[in-house]
Protein backbone atom coordinates (compact mmCIF):
# COMPACT_ATOMS: atom_id res chain seq x y z
CA MET A 1 135.10 112.16 71.27
CA ARG A 2 132.05 110.99 69.28
CA ILE A 3 129.43 108.84 70.98
CA ARG A 4 126.67 107.06 68.95
CA ALA A 5 123.61 105.57 70.57
CA ARG A 6 119.82 106.01 70.79
CA HIS A 7 118.72 109.08 72.71
CA HIS A 8 117.03 107.91 76.00
CA ALA A 9 114.17 110.40 75.56
CA THR A 10 113.50 110.07 71.90
CA GLY A 11 114.78 106.70 70.76
CA ASN A 12 116.55 108.35 67.78
CA LEU A 13 120.05 107.35 66.90
CA VAL A 14 122.27 110.32 67.65
CA ASP A 15 125.97 111.37 67.66
CA ILE A 16 127.03 113.25 70.73
CA VAL A 17 130.34 115.01 70.19
CA CYS A 18 132.23 116.03 73.40
CA ALA A 19 135.43 118.09 73.71
CA ASN A 20 137.16 119.60 76.84
CA GLY A 21 134.67 117.89 79.11
CA VAL A 22 131.63 119.52 77.42
CA ILE A 23 128.95 118.35 75.01
CA ARG A 24 129.69 120.25 71.72
CA SER A 25 126.81 118.98 69.72
CA VAL A 26 123.91 116.44 69.63
CA ALA A 27 122.69 115.55 66.20
CA ASP A 28 121.34 112.72 64.13
CA ALA A 29 123.97 110.03 63.56
CA SER A 30 126.35 110.86 60.71
CA SER A 31 128.55 108.78 58.46
CA ASP A 32 131.63 109.44 60.54
CA SER A 33 132.93 106.54 62.73
CA PRO A 34 132.08 106.82 66.45
CA ASP A 35 134.70 106.57 69.23
CA HIS A 36 132.14 104.80 71.56
CA GLU A 37 128.92 103.14 70.64
CA ALA A 38 126.08 101.46 72.57
CA GLY A 39 122.38 100.77 72.35
CA TRP A 40 121.37 103.97 74.30
CA VAL A 41 122.71 107.08 75.91
CA ALA A 42 121.49 109.13 78.85
CA PRO A 43 122.77 111.55 81.50
CA ALA A 44 124.62 109.67 84.20
CA PHE A 45 122.71 108.74 87.28
CA PHE A 46 122.77 110.68 90.55
CA ASP A 47 121.77 108.79 93.64
CA LEU A 48 120.67 110.47 96.90
CA GLN A 49 121.42 107.51 99.11
CA ILE A 50 124.67 105.36 98.93
CA ASN A 51 125.73 103.98 102.32
CA GLY A 52 128.72 102.15 100.79
CA CYS A 53 129.38 98.77 99.08
CA ASP A 54 131.62 95.68 99.08
CA GLY A 55 132.00 95.80 102.89
CA HIS A 56 132.92 99.54 103.02
CA SER A 57 130.66 101.77 105.09
CA PHE A 58 130.57 105.59 105.20
CA ASN A 59 129.60 105.05 108.93
CA SER A 60 132.80 103.05 109.80
CA ASP A 61 135.00 104.71 112.36
CA LYS A 62 137.84 103.43 110.25
CA LEU A 63 136.61 105.10 107.07
CA ALA A 64 139.61 106.14 104.83
CA ARG A 65 139.98 107.95 101.57
CA GLU A 66 140.83 104.72 99.64
CA GLN A 67 137.46 103.26 100.76
CA ILE A 68 135.63 106.29 99.52
CA ARG A 69 137.31 105.99 96.07
CA HIS A 70 136.50 102.43 95.91
CA VAL A 71 132.78 103.16 96.43
CA VAL A 72 132.92 105.84 93.81
CA GLN A 73 134.45 103.57 91.27
CA VAL A 74 132.01 100.72 91.92
CA CYS A 75 129.15 103.25 91.50
CA ARG A 76 130.49 104.33 88.29
CA ARG A 77 130.26 100.78 86.89
CA HIS A 78 126.58 101.04 87.55
CA GLY A 79 126.21 104.44 85.71
CA ILE A 80 126.22 106.52 88.87
CA GLY A 81 128.22 109.62 88.11
CA GLY A 82 127.48 111.27 91.39
CA PHE A 83 125.94 110.52 94.69
CA LEU A 84 125.42 111.56 98.31
CA PRO A 85 127.40 109.42 100.73
CA THR A 86 124.86 108.49 103.42
CA LEU A 87 125.70 108.32 107.11
CA VAL A 88 123.04 106.58 109.23
CA THR A 89 122.36 106.59 113.04
CA ALA A 90 125.64 106.16 114.90
CA SER A 91 127.53 107.60 117.78
CA ARG A 92 128.78 111.21 117.51
CA ALA A 93 132.30 110.08 117.28
CA ALA A 94 131.56 107.93 114.29
CA LEU A 95 129.50 110.43 112.52
CA MET A 96 132.29 113.16 113.17
CA HIS A 97 134.90 110.85 111.74
CA GLY A 98 132.87 110.10 108.67
CA MET A 99 132.08 113.74 107.98
CA THR A 100 135.70 114.80 108.55
CA THR A 101 137.10 112.03 106.28
CA LEU A 102 134.74 112.84 103.48
CA ARG A 103 135.58 116.48 103.74
CA GLN A 104 139.26 115.86 103.61
CA ALA A 105 138.93 113.52 100.69
CA CYS A 106 136.99 116.00 98.64
CA GLU A 107 139.31 118.85 99.57
CA GLN A 108 142.38 116.76 98.51
CA ASP A 109 141.03 115.12 95.39
CA PRO A 110 138.90 117.17 92.88
CA GLU A 111 137.75 113.95 91.06
CA LEU A 112 136.15 112.68 94.43
CA ALA A 113 134.73 116.17 95.00
CA TYR A 114 133.05 116.15 91.63
CA ALA A 115 131.51 112.72 92.37
CA ILE A 116 130.35 113.71 95.78
CA PRO A 117 128.71 117.13 95.85
CA GLY A 118 127.09 116.60 99.18
CA ILE A 119 126.27 114.28 102.04
CA HIS A 120 123.14 112.76 103.30
CA LEU A 121 122.61 112.34 107.05
CA GLU A 122 119.98 109.76 107.64
CA GLY A 123 119.22 109.86 111.36
CA PRO A 124 120.04 109.75 114.26
CA TYR A 125 116.88 111.83 114.91
CA ILE A 126 114.46 109.05 114.05
CA SER A 127 111.89 106.82 115.65
CA PRO A 128 113.17 104.35 118.26
CA GLU A 129 110.34 101.89 117.41
CA ASP A 130 110.96 98.57 115.80
CA GLY A 131 109.83 98.65 112.20
CA PRO A 132 110.14 102.35 111.56
CA ARG A 133 113.76 102.39 112.95
CA GLY A 134 114.65 99.72 110.39
CA ALA A 135 118.32 98.61 110.59
CA HIS A 136 119.40 101.68 112.55
CA PRO A 137 120.90 100.81 116.03
CA LEU A 138 118.55 101.79 118.81
CA ARG A 139 121.19 102.67 121.30
CA HIS A 140 122.28 105.67 119.04
CA VAL A 141 118.75 106.99 118.27
CA ARG A 142 118.44 110.39 120.02
CA PRO A 143 116.59 113.73 120.08
CA ALA A 144 117.02 116.26 117.37
CA ASP A 145 119.88 118.66 118.20
CA TRP A 146 120.74 121.75 116.19
CA ASP A 147 124.04 122.16 117.98
CA GLU A 148 125.06 118.59 117.28
CA PHE A 149 124.09 119.02 113.59
CA LYS A 150 126.10 122.17 113.32
CA LYS A 151 129.21 120.48 114.62
CA LEU A 152 128.60 117.74 112.02
CA GLN A 153 128.11 120.24 109.33
CA ASP A 154 131.27 122.11 110.29
CA ALA A 155 133.24 118.76 110.26
CA ALA A 156 131.75 118.17 106.68
CA GLY A 157 132.78 121.63 105.51
CA GLY A 158 129.13 122.49 104.83
CA ARG A 159 128.61 119.42 102.67
CA ILE A 160 125.51 118.10 104.35
CA ARG A 161 122.77 118.69 101.82
CA LEU A 162 120.03 116.32 102.96
CA VAL A 163 118.89 115.28 106.32
CA THR A 164 116.30 112.46 106.98
CA LEU A 165 114.53 112.57 110.33
CA ALA A 166 111.30 111.59 112.05
CA PRO A 167 109.08 114.70 112.83
CA GLU A 168 107.97 113.08 116.18
CA ALA A 169 111.60 113.01 117.48
CA PRO A 170 112.05 115.52 120.33
CA GLY A 171 113.18 118.89 118.91
CA ALA A 172 112.43 117.78 115.34
CA MET A 173 110.14 120.63 114.34
CA HIS A 174 112.70 123.24 115.52
CA LEU A 175 115.52 121.43 113.69
CA ILE A 176 113.41 121.28 110.38
CA GLU A 177 112.93 125.07 110.57
CA ARG A 178 116.66 125.68 111.26
CA LEU A 179 117.85 123.22 108.44
CA VAL A 180 115.52 124.92 105.93
CA GLN A 181 116.79 128.35 106.93
CA ALA A 182 120.38 127.00 106.41
CA GLY A 183 119.53 125.72 102.91
CA VAL A 184 119.56 122.01 103.80
CA THR A 185 116.89 119.82 102.27
CA VAL A 186 114.74 117.95 104.91
CA ALA A 187 113.26 114.52 104.33
CA LEU A 188 110.96 112.48 106.46
CA GLY A 189 111.78 108.83 107.07
CA HIS A 190 112.12 106.18 109.68
CA THR A 191 109.15 107.78 111.24
CA ALA A 192 106.01 106.67 113.30
CA ALA A 193 104.54 110.07 113.24
CA SER A 194 100.82 110.77 113.45
CA PRO A 195 99.36 112.21 110.12
CA ALA A 196 99.01 115.62 111.96
CA LEU A 197 102.71 115.70 112.65
CA VAL A 198 103.52 114.83 109.11
CA ARG A 199 101.43 117.75 108.00
CA ASP A 200 103.27 120.08 110.60
CA ALA A 201 106.65 118.90 109.23
CA VAL A 202 105.56 119.78 105.65
CA VAL A 203 104.55 123.25 106.76
CA ALA A 204 107.87 123.64 108.51
CA GLY A 205 109.64 122.88 105.26
CA ALA A 206 110.13 119.08 104.74
CA ARG A 207 110.28 118.39 101.02
CA LEU A 208 110.93 114.64 100.57
CA SER A 209 109.81 111.19 101.89
CA THR A 210 112.88 109.08 102.16
CA HIS A 211 112.37 105.54 100.62
CA LEU A 212 108.65 105.81 100.94
CA GLY A 213 106.96 102.48 101.93
CA ASN A 214 109.94 101.29 103.84
CA GLY A 215 111.21 101.99 107.36
CA SER A 216 107.70 101.22 108.53
CA HIS A 217 105.59 99.11 110.94
CA ALA A 218 104.35 95.86 109.41
CA LEU A 219 100.80 96.72 110.24
CA LEU A 220 99.32 100.27 110.03
CA PRO A 221 95.87 101.73 110.80
CA ARG A 222 93.69 101.28 107.85
CA HIS A 223 92.99 104.93 107.00
CA GLU A 224 94.97 107.41 109.29
CA ASN A 225 98.61 106.59 109.11
CA TYR A 226 101.99 108.15 108.24
CA PHE A 227 102.43 106.36 104.87
CA LEU A 228 99.12 107.47 103.40
CA GLU A 229 99.70 110.97 104.73
CA GLN A 230 102.92 111.31 102.98
CA LEU A 231 101.54 109.62 99.76
CA ALA A 232 98.79 112.13 99.64
CA SER A 233 100.88 115.24 100.22
CA ASP A 234 101.49 117.17 96.98
CA ASN A 235 104.31 119.11 98.71
CA LEU A 236 106.37 116.09 99.42
CA TRP A 237 108.54 114.40 96.76
CA ALA A 238 109.27 110.70 97.38
CA SER A 239 112.26 108.58 96.83
CA LEU A 240 111.64 104.81 96.12
CA ILE A 241 113.91 101.74 96.38
CA CYS A 242 113.04 99.78 93.26
CA ASP A 243 115.38 96.76 93.71
CA GLY A 244 112.52 94.31 93.63
CA GLN A 245 113.03 93.50 97.33
CA HIS A 246 111.86 96.72 99.14
CA LEU A 247 108.56 97.32 97.40
CA PRO A 248 106.27 94.99 95.32
CA PRO A 249 105.63 96.18 91.73
CA SER A 250 101.95 96.93 92.50
CA LEU A 251 102.85 99.39 95.31
CA VAL A 252 105.53 101.06 93.01
CA ASN A 253 102.83 101.42 90.40
CA ILE A 254 100.28 103.04 93.00
CA ILE A 255 102.92 105.37 94.42
CA GLN A 256 104.03 106.69 90.90
CA ARG A 257 100.37 107.14 89.89
CA VAL A 258 99.52 109.12 92.98
CA LYS A 259 102.86 111.19 93.24
CA THR A 260 103.21 111.50 89.40
CA PRO A 261 106.63 110.89 87.85
CA GLU A 262 107.49 114.62 88.31
CA ARG A 263 107.73 114.21 92.19
CA LEU A 264 109.63 110.80 92.36
CA ILE A 265 113.23 110.03 92.75
CA LEU A 266 114.73 106.61 92.31
CA THR A 267 117.42 105.51 94.80
CA CYS A 268 119.10 102.21 95.27
CA ASP A 269 119.95 102.89 99.04
CA ALA A 270 123.01 100.61 98.47
CA GLY A 271 124.13 99.20 101.83
CA PRO A 272 127.67 98.68 102.96
CA LEU A 273 127.22 95.02 101.92
CA ALA A 274 125.91 95.84 98.42
CA GLY A 275 127.71 93.50 96.08
CA CYS A 276 128.95 91.10 98.82
CA PRO A 277 128.51 87.37 98.44
CA PRO A 278 125.99 85.50 100.58
CA GLY A 279 126.99 85.10 104.19
CA ARG A 280 126.93 86.60 107.68
CA TYR A 281 128.60 90.01 108.25
CA ARG A 282 129.02 92.48 111.03
CA GLU A 283 128.33 96.25 110.39
CA TRP A 284 126.85 99.07 112.59
CA ASP A 285 127.45 97.05 115.72
CA GLN A 286 125.12 94.25 114.62
CA GLU A 287 124.97 91.25 112.35
CA PHE A 288 123.59 91.11 108.85
CA ASP A 289 122.89 88.39 106.42
CA VAL A 290 123.40 88.62 102.65
CA VAL A 291 120.83 86.13 101.35
CA ALA A 292 120.47 84.88 97.70
CA VAL A 293 117.09 85.56 96.18
CA GLY A 294 115.64 82.53 94.41
CA LYS A 295 117.57 81.37 91.32
CA SER A 296 118.65 84.89 90.30
CA LEU A 297 122.14 86.28 90.74
CA GLU A 298 120.65 88.99 93.04
CA CYS A 299 120.75 89.16 96.83
CA LYS A 300 119.07 90.99 99.63
CA ILE A 301 120.62 92.37 102.97
CA VAL A 302 118.70 91.72 106.16
CA VAL A 303 119.32 92.26 109.85
CA ALA A 304 120.10 88.83 111.22
CA ALA A 305 118.08 89.27 114.32
CA SER A 306 114.90 90.58 112.84
CA GLY A 307 114.94 89.96 109.17
CA PHE A 308 114.33 93.66 108.37
CA LEU A 309 115.85 94.80 105.10
CA ALA A 310 119.09 96.85 105.68
CA GLY A 311 119.65 98.83 102.44
CA SER A 312 119.91 97.41 99.10
CA TRP A 313 122.25 94.83 97.61
CA ALA A 314 121.79 96.27 94.09
CA PHE A 315 122.53 99.58 92.46
CA THR A 316 120.65 102.33 90.65
CA ASP A 317 120.82 100.74 87.17
CA LEU A 318 118.78 97.72 88.31
CA CYS A 319 116.23 100.13 89.95
CA VAL A 320 115.75 102.14 86.80
CA GLY A 321 115.22 98.84 84.74
CA ASN A 322 112.80 97.63 87.28
CA PHE A 323 110.79 100.82 87.50
CA VAL A 324 110.03 100.70 83.69
CA LYS A 325 109.03 97.06 84.09
CA PHE A 326 106.77 97.71 87.19
CA THR A 327 104.93 100.77 85.78
CA ASP A 328 103.57 102.38 82.59
CA CYS A 329 106.30 104.97 82.76
CA THR A 330 108.78 105.57 79.96
CA LEU A 331 112.40 105.00 80.01
CA ALA A 332 112.91 108.80 79.72
CA GLN A 333 110.79 109.33 82.82
CA ALA A 334 112.71 106.61 84.79
CA VAL A 335 116.12 108.00 83.80
CA ASP A 336 114.98 111.53 84.89
CA MET A 337 114.01 110.10 88.27
CA ALA A 338 117.59 108.78 88.66
CA SER A 339 119.47 111.72 87.27
CA ALA A 340 117.93 115.07 86.82
CA GLN A 341 115.21 115.04 89.47
CA PRO A 342 117.47 114.33 92.52
CA ARG A 343 119.83 117.05 91.43
CA SER A 344 116.92 119.41 91.06
CA LEU A 345 115.55 118.63 94.52
CA LEU A 346 118.91 119.43 96.04
CA GLY A 347 119.45 122.60 93.92
CA LEU A 348 122.49 121.16 92.19
CA PRO A 349 123.39 122.26 88.60
CA PRO A 350 121.54 120.16 86.01
CA ARG A 351 123.04 117.47 83.81
CA SER A 352 121.27 117.14 80.45
CA MET A 353 122.28 115.91 76.98
CA GLU A 354 122.41 119.46 75.53
CA THR A 355 125.16 121.52 73.86
CA GLY A 356 127.25 123.26 76.55
CA GLN A 357 126.40 120.84 79.39
CA PRO A 358 129.07 118.76 81.14
CA ALA A 359 129.68 115.52 79.26
CA ASP A 360 128.40 113.28 81.99
CA LEU A 361 126.92 110.42 80.17
CA LEU A 362 125.83 106.75 80.56
CA LEU A 363 125.96 104.33 77.71
CA PHE A 364 123.81 101.25 78.14
CA ASP A 365 121.91 98.43 76.40
CA TRP A 366 118.23 98.05 77.12
CA HIS A 367 115.12 96.31 75.69
CA PRO A 368 111.68 97.02 77.00
CA GLY A 369 110.80 94.35 79.55
CA GLY A 370 114.54 93.23 79.66
CA ALA A 371 117.70 93.94 81.59
CA PHE A 372 119.24 97.47 81.94
CA VAL A 373 122.90 96.78 81.18
CA VAL A 374 125.44 99.64 81.72
CA ARG A 375 128.31 99.57 79.13
CA GLU A 376 130.26 102.75 80.03
CA THR A 377 130.16 105.88 82.22
CA ILE A 378 131.62 108.99 80.94
CA LEU A 379 132.35 111.98 83.19
CA GLN A 380 133.61 115.37 81.93
CA GLY A 381 134.19 113.72 78.61
CA ARG A 382 136.40 111.01 80.14
CA ARG A 383 135.66 107.20 80.35
CA VAL A 384 135.67 106.28 84.03
CA SER A 385 134.18 102.80 83.93
């Protein structure tokens, strides 16, 4: 397979030759006819936080392998070659079912296992307060519990790689230390912690702020608050939802200038209702509205009772395009934030456009200031979208 497009990092027109699932060469475009052609080529995206889409939720107590495969296929249409299925605050029975179903699906289907190298547990050890709790159901928020986590990890077959929690949750500091010892990456999120507790969590081993700037009170103390404390910490990476709804462009720009592009990760945080038409839906034991945004074709997902955002309606491709529009960062930097950097944080093998690397590629069209349009996703040298 010969792919011809502009290299996302250099802008040069290149030919990438793939065989047996591996990149065999990357060189200036030749006179040979390509098998696939697009404006640009980059490594396929990897997203830390996908809750589902099209009405399918990884939290559902009826989650089945067919639904997992559907979410994987939809993600591929948006250039996402791999992701962490994200299970949020729920009953123990629902979380156990989700972990077990994901484990079994990966054990039985190598293609799903390749797309899903880990799981993200977001909650249930979070703040019970309105605002920081976000769309997570209050009745299932509970103290941090290593024994419960161990049972979930066993059900998942050891696949939980990322846990988001609030450091003020009872037992959280002990759990952070145990998770770090077990090789699980710890993120802070959905928290109302004091700055001192944020600092203690970093010392204990927390490495990431989950969707920084969201899952927060509407009003914060002017100087001493958990947002600024996380923003200022050089030891915390940050993930951002850059769908145009969760954060204003000015704040995205401020965060990237403080954190620097090397410590940022782009996530879409696609909700179970991502891609669904406008209307009222019921998920996670509560009602949500999918609301059209202005005259655009995009929507947002909100909790019907409070108006709080509940994950994103969009996917990673939109977030990457928006990030370049909102900041002075390059396309190459934005792509790295959505591909190489999340894998690096989790200790997963890299995916780069170099000889010998797996042929996991994204073909897309893009113009500075314009839309980011995915044309094809190629995984292990095969077209999958």
